[in-house]
């Protein structure tokens, strides 16, 4: 399972996606409404526009939050990688010590070296598992960043659609220059891209969960926090 805070982030992402996708891209909509046209609409008739603007603001905020989470995950991966490198060095040293002990023929020395080599191997196995999990976590958050952008694309398209509807309802003749179908198509296209990316995030999250479960399983089997197996 993902960490609680990160899991809440994923759930929040899914909730936002449902809200956006259930409404009426990396490429922004070409259907735009002139700001001056919107400024001529009475404030009391801009309720849907303001609501759409709030949704867009929220989508932008979520992009920033996800970027920060991804940076934190990358830092955690770097720590895990350094721990793995250190564990690998200790394992190599223990193997060399075992060879040296075997060359002496001293049974007691060989047994001690074998135990040390086994402990080092356990530590390396655990460290490798954590690095794999941390790496998958970064991959998940990178795909989530893309998802956040897709959500913003949906919000942008919906905002432009709300602006068009407000201008059109205000009987602005210039609205006749625009096609309602263009706005609907822009929203539909953004929703489709967001749905595609949502599936990618789900797949990455599943792989991350499996990697973490494997790491936790190794710990539950008797590996200590330092990677040593407990007697």
C-alpha atoms as a PDB file:
ATOM      1  CA  UNK A   1       0.000   0.000   0.000  1.00  0.00           C
ATOM      2  CA  UNK A   2       1.143   3.560  -0.622  1.00  0.00           C
ATOM      3  CA  UNK A   3       2.034   5.765   2.334  1.00  0.00           C
ATOM      4  CA  UNK A   4      -1.073   7.335   3.999  1.00  0.00           C
ATOM      5  CA  UNK A   5      -0.285  10.852   2.859  1.00  0.00           C
ATOM      6  CA  UNK A   6       0.467   9.748  -0.646  1.00  0.00           C
ATOM      7  CA  UNK A   7      -2.592   7.513  -0.735  1.00  0.00           C
ATOM      8  CA  UNK A   8      -4.735  10.509   0.212  1.00  0.00           C
ATOM      9  CA  UNK A   9      -3.145  12.358  -2.672  1.00  0.00           C
ATOM     10  CA  UNK A  10      -4.106   9.604  -5.097  1.00  0.00           C
ATOM     11  CA  UNK A  11      -7.639   9.503  -3.729  1.00  0.00           C
ATOM     12  CA  UNK A  12      -7.849  13.264  -4.004  1.00  0.00           C
ATOM     13  CA  UNK A  13      -6.656  12.995  -7.572  1.00  0.00           C
ATOM     14  CA  UNK A  14      -9.322  10.434  -8.372  1.00  0.00           C
ATOM     15  CA  UNK A  15     -12.000  12.601  -6.790  1.00  0.00           C
ATOM     16  CA  UNK A  16     -10.920  15.630  -8.772  1.00  0.00           C
ATOM     17  CA  UNK A  17     -10.846  13.557 -11.932  1.00  0.00           C
ATOM     18  CA  UNK A  18     -14.389  12.370 -11.328  1.00  0.00           C
ATOM     19  CA  UNK A  19     -15.528  15.939 -10.779  1.00  0.00           C
ATOM     20  CA  UNK A  20     -13.816  17.172 -13.921  1.00  0.00           C
ATOM     21  CA  UNK A  21     -14.560  14.206 -16.133  1.00  0.00           C
ATOM     22  CA  UNK A  22     -18.157  14.099 -15.019  1.00  0.00           C
ATOM     23  CA  UNK A  23     -18.733  17.714 -16.034  1.00  0.00           C
ATOM     24  CA  UNK A  24     -20.477  18.633 -19.205  1.00  0.00           C
ATOM     25  CA  UNK A  25      -4.787  18.155 -22.700  1.00  0.00           C
ATOM     26  CA  UNK A  26      -1.678  18.597 -22.777  1.00  0.00           C
ATOM     27  CA  UNK A  27      -2.878  20.780 -25.662  1.00  0.00           C
ATOM     28  CA  UNK A  28      -5.058  23.648 -24.535  1.00  0.00           C
ATOM     29  CA  UNK A  29      -8.447  24.203 -26.145  1.00  0.00           C
ATOM     30  CA  UNK A  30      -8.521  26.359 -29.289  1.00  0.00           C
ATOM     31  CA  UNK A  31     -12.079  27.407 -28.378  1.00  0.00           C
ATOM     32  CA  UNK A  32     -11.578  30.697 -26.561  1.00  0.00           C
ATOM     33  CA  UNK A  33     -13.795  33.581 -25.521  1.00  0.00           C
ATOM     34  CA  UNK A  34     -12.527  37.153 -25.534  1.00  0.00           C
ATOM     35  CA  UNK A  35     -12.169  38.490 -21.983  1.00  0.00           C
ATOM     36  CA  UNK A  36     -13.775  41.775 -22.983  1.00  0.00           C
ATOM     37  CA  UNK A  37     -16.901  39.928 -24.045  1.00  0.00           C
ATOM     38  CA  UNK A  38     -17.120  38.277 -20.649  1.00  0.00           C
ATOM     39  CA  UNK A  39     -16.598  41.643 -18.934  1.00  0.00           C
ATOM     40  CA  UNK A  40     -19.848  42.879 -20.486  1.00  0.00           C
ATOM     41  CA  UNK A  41     -21.866  40.110 -18.833  1.00  0.00           C
ATOM     42  CA  UNK A  42     -23.613  41.264 -15.616  1.00  0.00           C
ATOM     43  CA  UNK A  43     -21.789  39.900 -12.529  1.00  0.00           C
ATOM     44  CA  UNK A  44     -24.917  38.155 -11.354  1.00  0.00           C
ATOM     45  CA  UNK A  45     -24.903  36.018 -14.489  1.00  0.00           C
ATOM     46  CA  UNK A  46     -21.325  34.778 -14.083  1.00  0.00           C
ATOM     47  CA  UNK A  47     -21.937  32.209 -11.374  1.00  0.00           C
ATOM     48  CA  UNK A  48     -20.968  29.251 -13.544  1.00  0.00           C
ATOM     49  CA  UNK A  49     -17.889  31.086 -14.792  1.00  0.00           C
ATOM     50  CA  UNK A  50     -16.701  31.799 -11.255  1.00  0.00           C
ATOM     51  CA  UNK A  51     -17.292  28.194 -10.272  1.00  0.00           C
ATOM     52  CA  UNK A  52     -15.277  27.026 -13.275  1.00  0.00           C
ATOM     53  CA  UNK A  53     -12.494  29.451 -12.352  1.00  0.00           C
ATOM     54  CA  UNK A  54     -12.352  27.994  -8.845  1.00  0.00           C
ATOM     55  CA  UNK A  55     -12.061  24.513 -10.325  1.00  0.00           C
ATOM     56  CA  UNK A  56      -9.232  25.697 -12.547  1.00  0.00           C
ATOM     57  CA  UNK A  57      -7.444  27.312  -9.594  1.00  0.00           C
ATOM     58  CA  UNK A  58      -7.746  24.066  -7.650  1.00  0.00           C
ATOM     59  CA  UNK A  59      -6.318  22.116 -10.584  1.00  0.00           C
ATOM     60  CA  UNK A  60      -3.305  24.440 -10.723  1.00  0.00           C
ATOM     61  CA  UNK A  61      -2.750  24.043  -7.003  1.00  0.00           C
ATOM     62  CA  UNK A  62      -2.804  20.271  -7.329  1.00  0.00           C
ATOM     63  CA  UNK A  63      -0.084  20.415  -9.975  1.00  0.00           C
ATOM     64  CA  UNK A  64       2.189  22.246  -7.533  1.00  0.00           C
ATOM     65  CA  UNK A  65       1.399  19.837  -4.704  1.00  0.00           C
ATOM     66  CA  UNK A  66       2.142  16.844  -6.896  1.00  0.00           C
ATOM     67  CA  UNK A  67       5.428  18.356  -8.050  1.00  0.00           C
ATOM     68  CA  UNK A  68       6.486  18.771  -4.422  1.00  0.00           C
ATOM     69  CA  UNK A  69       5.461  15.198  -3.618  1.00  0.00           C
ATOM     70  CA  UNK A  70       7.458  13.931  -6.593  1.00  0.00           C
ATOM     71  CA  UNK A  71      10.527  15.857  -5.449  1.00  0.00           C
ATOM     72  CA  UNK A  72      10.180  14.345  -1.970  1.00  0.00           C
ATOM     73  CA  UNK A  73       9.872  10.872  -3.487  1.00  0.00           C
ATOM     74  CA  UNK A  74      12.997  11.438  -5.570  1.00  0.00           C
ATOM     75  CA  UNK A  75      14.903  12.430  -2.429  1.00  0.00           C
ATOM     76  CA  UNK A  76      13.710   9.251  -0.693  1.00  0.00           C
ATOM     77  CA  UNK A  77      14.815   7.215  -3.686  1.00  0.00           C
ATOM     78  CA  UNK A  78      18.283   8.764  -3.546  1.00  0.00           C
ATOM     79  CA  UNK A  79      18.601   7.799   0.120  1.00  0.00           C
ATOM     80  CA  UNK A  80      17.474   4.260  -0.665  1.00  0.00           C
ATOM     81  CA  UNK A  81      19.966   4.033  -3.514  1.00  0.00           C
ATOM     82  CA  UNK A  82      22.818   5.169  -1.275  1.00  0.00           C
ATOM     83  CA  UNK A  83      21.795   2.574   1.299  1.00  0.00           C
ATOM     84  CA  UNK A  84      21.743  -0.081  -1.403  1.00  0.00           C
ATOM     85  CA  UNK A  85      25.201   0.927  -2.629  1.00  0.00           C
ATOM     86  CA  UNK A  86      26.532   0.720   0.925  1.00  0.00           C
ATOM     87  CA  UNK A  87      24.900  -2.678   1.426  1.00  0.00           C
ATOM     88  CA  UNK A  88      26.425  -3.897  -1.816  1.00  0.00           C
ATOM     89  CA  UNK A  89      29.885  -2.788  -0.700  1.00  0.00           C
ATOM     90  CA  UNK A  90      29.460  -4.569   2.642  1.00  0.00           C
ATOM     91  CA  UNK A  91      28.306  -7.696   0.859  1.00  0.00           C
ATOM     92  CA  UNK A  92      31.323  -7.683  -1.452  1.00  0.00           C
ATOM     93  CA  UNK A  93      33.621  -7.193   1.532  1.00  0.00           C
ATOM     94  CA  UNK A  94      31.971 -10.077   3.387  1.00  0.00           C
ATOM     95  CA  UNK A  95      32.412 -12.360   0.382  1.00  0.00           C
ATOM     96  CA  UNK A  96      36.093 -11.466   0.214  1.00  0.00           C
ATOM     97  CA  UNK A  97      36.437 -12.127   3.950  1.00  0.00           C
ATOM     98  CA  UNK A  98      34.773 -15.519   3.513  1.00  0.00           C
ATOM     99  CA  UNK A  99      37.199 -16.489   0.772  1.00  0.00           C
ATOM    100  CA  UNK A 100      40.091 -15.466   2.988  1.00  0.00           C
ATOM    101  CA  UNK A 101      38.718 -17.512   5.897  1.00  0.00           C
ATOM    102  CA  UNK A 102      38.226 -20.551   3.681  1.00  0.00           C
ATOM    103  CA  UNK A 103      41.842 -20.288   2.581  1.00  0.00           C
ATOM    104  CA  UNK A 104      42.974 -20.639   6.205  1.00  0.00           C
ATOM    105  CA  UNK A 105      40.970 -23.797   6.802  1.00  0.00           C
ATOM    106  CA  UNK A 106      39.967 -22.479  10.244  1.00  0.00           C
ATOM    107  CA  UNK A 107      36.470 -23.894  10.817  1.00  0.00           C
ATOM    108  CA  UNK A 108      35.485 -21.299  13.418  1.00  0.00           C
ATOM    109  CA  UNK A 109      36.697 -18.438  11.234  1.00  0.00           C
ATOM    110  CA  UNK A 110      34.840 -19.865   8.251  1.00  0.00           C
ATOM    111  CA  UNK A 111      31.597 -20.120  10.222  1.00  0.00           C
ATOM    112  CA  UNK A 112      31.906 -16.527  11.410  1.00  0.00           C
ATOM    113  CA  UNK A 113      32.622 -15.353   7.876  1.00  0.00           C
ATOM    114  CA  UNK A 114      29.688 -17.333   6.501  1.00  0.00           C
ATOM    115  CA  UNK A 115      27.354 -15.774   9.057  1.00  0.00           C
ATOM    116  CA  UNK A 116      28.636 -12.295   8.209  1.00  0.00           C
ATOM    117  CA  UNK A 117      28.231 -12.974   4.486  1.00  0.00           C
ATOM    118  CA  UNK A 118      24.685 -14.235   5.019  1.00  0.00           C
ATOM    119  CA  UNK A 119      23.808 -11.158   7.059  1.00  0.00           C
ATOM    120  CA  UNK A 120      25.262  -8.892   4.380  1.00  0.00           C
ATOM    121  CA  UNK A 121      23.284 -10.701   1.691  1.00  0.00           C
ATOM    122  CA  UNK A 122      20.070 -10.230   3.649  1.00  0.00           C
ATOM    123  CA  UNK A 123      20.831  -6.532   4.048  1.00  0.00           C
ATOM    124  CA  UNK A 124      21.450  -6.179   0.328  1.00  0.00           C
ATOM    125  CA  UNK A 125      18.225  -8.000  -0.554  1.00  0.00           C
ATOM    126  CA  UNK A 126      16.193  -5.678   1.651  1.00  0.00           C
ATOM    127  CA  UNK A 127      17.961  -2.573   0.365  1.00  0.00           C
ATOM    128  CA  UNK A 128      17.372  -3.585  -3.250  1.00  0.00           C
ATOM    129  CA  UNK A 129      13.684  -4.142  -2.530  1.00  0.00           C
ATOM    130  CA  UNK A 130      13.339  -0.698  -0.980  1.00  0.00           C
ATOM    131  CA  UNK A 131      15.094   0.963  -3.895  1.00  0.00           C
ATOM    132  CA  UNK A 132      12.762  -0.806  -6.320  1.00  0.00           C
ATOM    133  CA  UNK A 133       9.744   0.420  -4.360  1.00  0.00           C
ATOM    134  CA  UNK A 134      11.036   3.994  -4.124  1.00  0.00           C
ATOM    135  CA  UNK A 135      11.739   3.978  -7.850  1.00  0.00           C
ATOM    136  CA  UNK A 136       8.198   2.843  -8.606  1.00  0.00           C
ATOM    137  CA  UNK A 137       6.868   5.557  -6.287  1.00  0.00           C
ATOM    138  CA  UNK A 138       8.671   8.198  -8.349  1.00  0.00           C
ATOM    139  CA  UNK A 139       7.267   6.724 -11.547  1.00  0.00           C
ATOM    140  CA  UNK A 140       3.763   6.863 -10.100  1.00  0.00           C
ATOM    141  CA  UNK A 141       4.107  10.500  -9.092  1.00  0.00           C
ATOM    142  CA  UNK A 142       5.518  11.466 -12.475  1.00  0.00           C
ATOM    143  CA  UNK A 143       2.469   9.965 -14.139  1.00  0.00           C
ATOM    144  CA  UNK A 144       0.322  11.731 -11.549  1.00  0.00           C
ATOM    145  CA  UNK A 145       1.904  15.036 -12.546  1.00  0.00           C
ATOM    146  CA  UNK A 146       0.772  14.396 -16.101  1.00  0.00           C
ATOM    147  CA  UNK A 147      -2.670  13.521 -14.768  1.00  0.00           C
ATOM    148  CA  UNK A 148      -2.820  16.807 -12.891  1.00  0.00           C
ATOM    149  CA  UNK A 149      -2.028  18.620 -16.127  1.00  0.00           C
ATOM    150  CA  UNK A 150      -4.793  16.698 -17.877  1.00  0.00           C
ATOM    151  CA  UNK A 151      -7.159  17.783 -15.102  1.00  0.00           C
ATOM    152  CA  UNK A 152      -6.122  21.378 -15.677  1.00  0.00           C
ATOM    153  CA  UNK A 153      -6.778  20.963 -19.387  1.00  0.00           C
ATOM    154  CA  UNK A 154     -10.294  19.757 -18.588  1.00  0.00           C
ATOM    155  CA  UNK A 155     -10.828  22.679 -16.213  1.00  0.00           C
ATOM    156  CA  UNK A 156      -9.586  25.138 -18.833  1.00  0.00           C
ATOM    157  CA  UNK A 157     -11.916  23.734 -21.474  1.00  0.00           C
ATOM    158  CA  UNK A 158     -14.860  23.818 -19.088  1.00  0.00           C
ATOM    159  CA  UNK A 159     -14.046  27.401 -18.120  1.00  0.00           C
ATOM    160  CA  UNK A 160     -14.061  28.514 -21.741  1.00  0.00           C
ATOM    161  CA  UNK A 161     -17.338  26.689 -22.262  1.00  0.00           C
ATOM    162  CA  UNK A 162     -18.846  28.462 -19.240  1.00  0.00           C
ATOM    163  CA  UNK A 163     -17.657  31.806 -20.597  1.00  0.00           C
ATOM    164  CA  UNK A 164     -19.212  31.093 -23.962  1.00  0.00           C
ATOM    165  CA  UNK A 165     -22.525  30.100 -22.398  1.00  0.00           C
ATOM    166  CA  UNK A 166     -22.554  33.270 -20.279  1.00  0.00           C
ATOM    167  CA  UNK A 167     -21.818  35.517 -23.256  1.00  0.00           C
ATOM    168  CA  UNK A 168     -24.349  33.725 -25.417  1.00  0.00           C
ATOM    169  CA  UNK A 169     -27.027  33.934 -22.715  1.00  0.00           C
ATOM    170  CA  UNK A 170     -26.362  37.676 -22.507  1.00  0.00           C
ATOM    171  CA  UNK A 171     -27.464  37.923 -26.152  1.00  0.00           C
ATOM    172  CA  UNK A 172     -24.078  39.197 -27.264  1.00  0.00           C
ATOM    173  CA  UNK A 173     -24.228  39.004 -31.061  1.00  0.00           C
ATOM    174  CA  UNK A 174     -20.495  38.326 -31.180  1.00  0.00           C
ATOM    175  CA  UNK A 175     -21.153  34.945 -29.597  1.00  0.00           C
ATOM    176  CA  UNK A 176     -22.643  33.954 -32.942  1.00  0.00           C
ATOM    177  CA  UNK A 177     -19.098  33.973 -34.283  1.00  0.00           C
ATOM    178  CA  UNK A 178     -18.339  30.999 -32.063  1.00  0.00           C
ATOM    179  CA  UNK A 179     -19.558  27.439 -32.391  1.00  0.00           C
ATOM    180  CA  UNK A 180     -20.906  25.687 -29.286  1.00  0.00           C
ATOM    181  CA  UNK A 181     -19.720  22.448 -30.833  1.00  0.00           C
ATOM    182  CA  UNK A 182     -16.108  23.633 -30.643  1.00  0.00           C
ATOM    183  CA  UNK A 183     -16.387  24.076 -26.892  1.00  0.00           C
ATOM    184  CA  UNK A 184     -18.114  20.741 -26.400  1.00  0.00           C
ATOM    185  CA  UNK A 185     -15.466  19.010 -28.496  1.00  0.00           C
ATOM    186  CA  UNK A 186     -12.675  20.666 -26.524  1.00  0.00           C
ATOM    187  CA  UNK A 187     -14.159  19.449 -23.240  1.00  0.00           C
ATOM    188  CA  UNK A 188     -14.711  15.941 -24.610  1.00  0.00           C
ATOM    189  CA  UNK A 189     -11.151  15.735 -25.937  1.00  0.00           C
ATOM    190  CA  UNK A 190      -9.669  16.905 -22.640  1.00  0.00           C
ATOM    191  CA  UNK A 191     -11.831  14.434 -20.724  1.00  0.00           C
ATOM    192  CA  UNK A 192     -10.694  11.566 -22.965  1.00  0.00           C
ATOM    193  CA  UNK A 193      -7.022  12.370 -22.443  1.00  0.00           C
ATOM    194  CA  UNK A 194      -7.547  12.654 -18.702  1.00  0.00           C
ATOM    195  CA  UNK A 195      -9.278   9.276 -18.606  1.00  0.00           C
ATOM    196  CA  UNK A 196      -6.412   7.677 -20.540  1.00  0.00           C
ATOM    197  CA  UNK A 197      -3.867   9.125 -18.136  1.00  0.00           C
ATOM    198  CA  UNK A 198      -5.936   8.033 -15.140  1.00  0.00           C
ATOM    199  CA  UNK A 199      -5.561   4.429 -16.302  1.00  0.00           C
ATOM    200  CA  UNK A 200      -1.788   4.888 -16.507  1.00  0.00           C
ATOM    201  CA  UNK A 201      -1.673   6.274 -12.972  1.00  0.00           C
ATOM    202  CA  UNK A 202      -3.737   3.348 -11.703  1.00  0.00           C
ATOM    203  CA  UNK A 203      -1.376   0.849 -13.351  1.00  0.00           C
ATOM    204  CA  UNK A 204       1.695   2.569 -11.907  1.00  0.00           C
ATOM    205  CA  UNK A 205       0.141   2.744  -8.458  1.00  0.00           C
ATOM    206  CA  UNK A 206      -0.630  -0.968  -8.549  1.00  0.00           C
ATOM    207  CA  UNK A 207       2.987  -1.743  -9.420  1.00  0.00           C
ATOM    208  CA  UNK A 208       4.188   0.573  -6.643  1.00  0.00           C
ATOM    209  CA  UNK A 209       1.919  -1.131  -4.116  1.00  0.00           C
ATOM    210  CA  UNK A 210       3.269  -4.538  -5.130  1.00  0.00           C
ATOM    211  CA  UNK A 211       6.867  -3.367  -4.766  1.00  0.00           C
ATOM    212  CA  UNK A 212       6.198  -1.949  -1.316  1.00  0.00           C
ATOM    213  CA  UNK A 213       4.353  -5.116  -0.271  1.00  0.00           C
ATOM    214  CA  UNK A 214       7.395  -7.168  -1.296  1.00  0.00           C
ATOM    215  CA  UNK A 215       9.694  -4.930   0.747  1.00  0.00           C
ATOM    216  CA  UNK A 216       7.384  -5.168   3.758  1.00  0.00           C
ATOM    217  CA  UNK A 217       7.173  -8.930   3.343  1.00  0.00           C
ATOM    218  CA  UNK A 218      10.949  -9.180   3.595  1.00  0.00           C
ATOM    219  CA  UNK A 219      10.827  -7.156   6.789  1.00  0.00           C
ATOM    220  CA  UNK A 220       8.066  -9.346   8.196  1.00  0.00           C
ATOM    221  CA  UNK A 221      10.123 -12.439   7.436  1.00  0.00           C
ATOM    222  CA  UNK A 222      12.716 -11.294   9.921  1.00  0.00           C
ATOM    223  CA  UNK A 223      14.791  -8.576   8.330  1.00  0.00           C
ATOM    224  CA  UNK A 224      15.675  -5.731  10.652  1.00  0.00           C
ATOM    225  CA  UNK A 225      15.699  -2.065   9.795  1.00  0.00           C
ATOM    226  CA  UNK A 226      19.388  -2.335   8.951  1.00  0.00           C
ATOM    227  CA  UNK A 227      18.702  -5.224   6.632  1.00  0.00           C
ATOM    228  CA  UNK A 228      20.004  -7.917   8.964  1.00  0.00           C
ATOM    229  CA  UNK A 229      17.911 -11.000   9.493  1.00  0.00           C
ATOM    230  CA  UNK A 230      16.885 -11.538  13.067  1.00  0.00           C
ATOM    231  CA  UNK A 231      17.562 -14.916  14.710  1.00  0.00           C
END
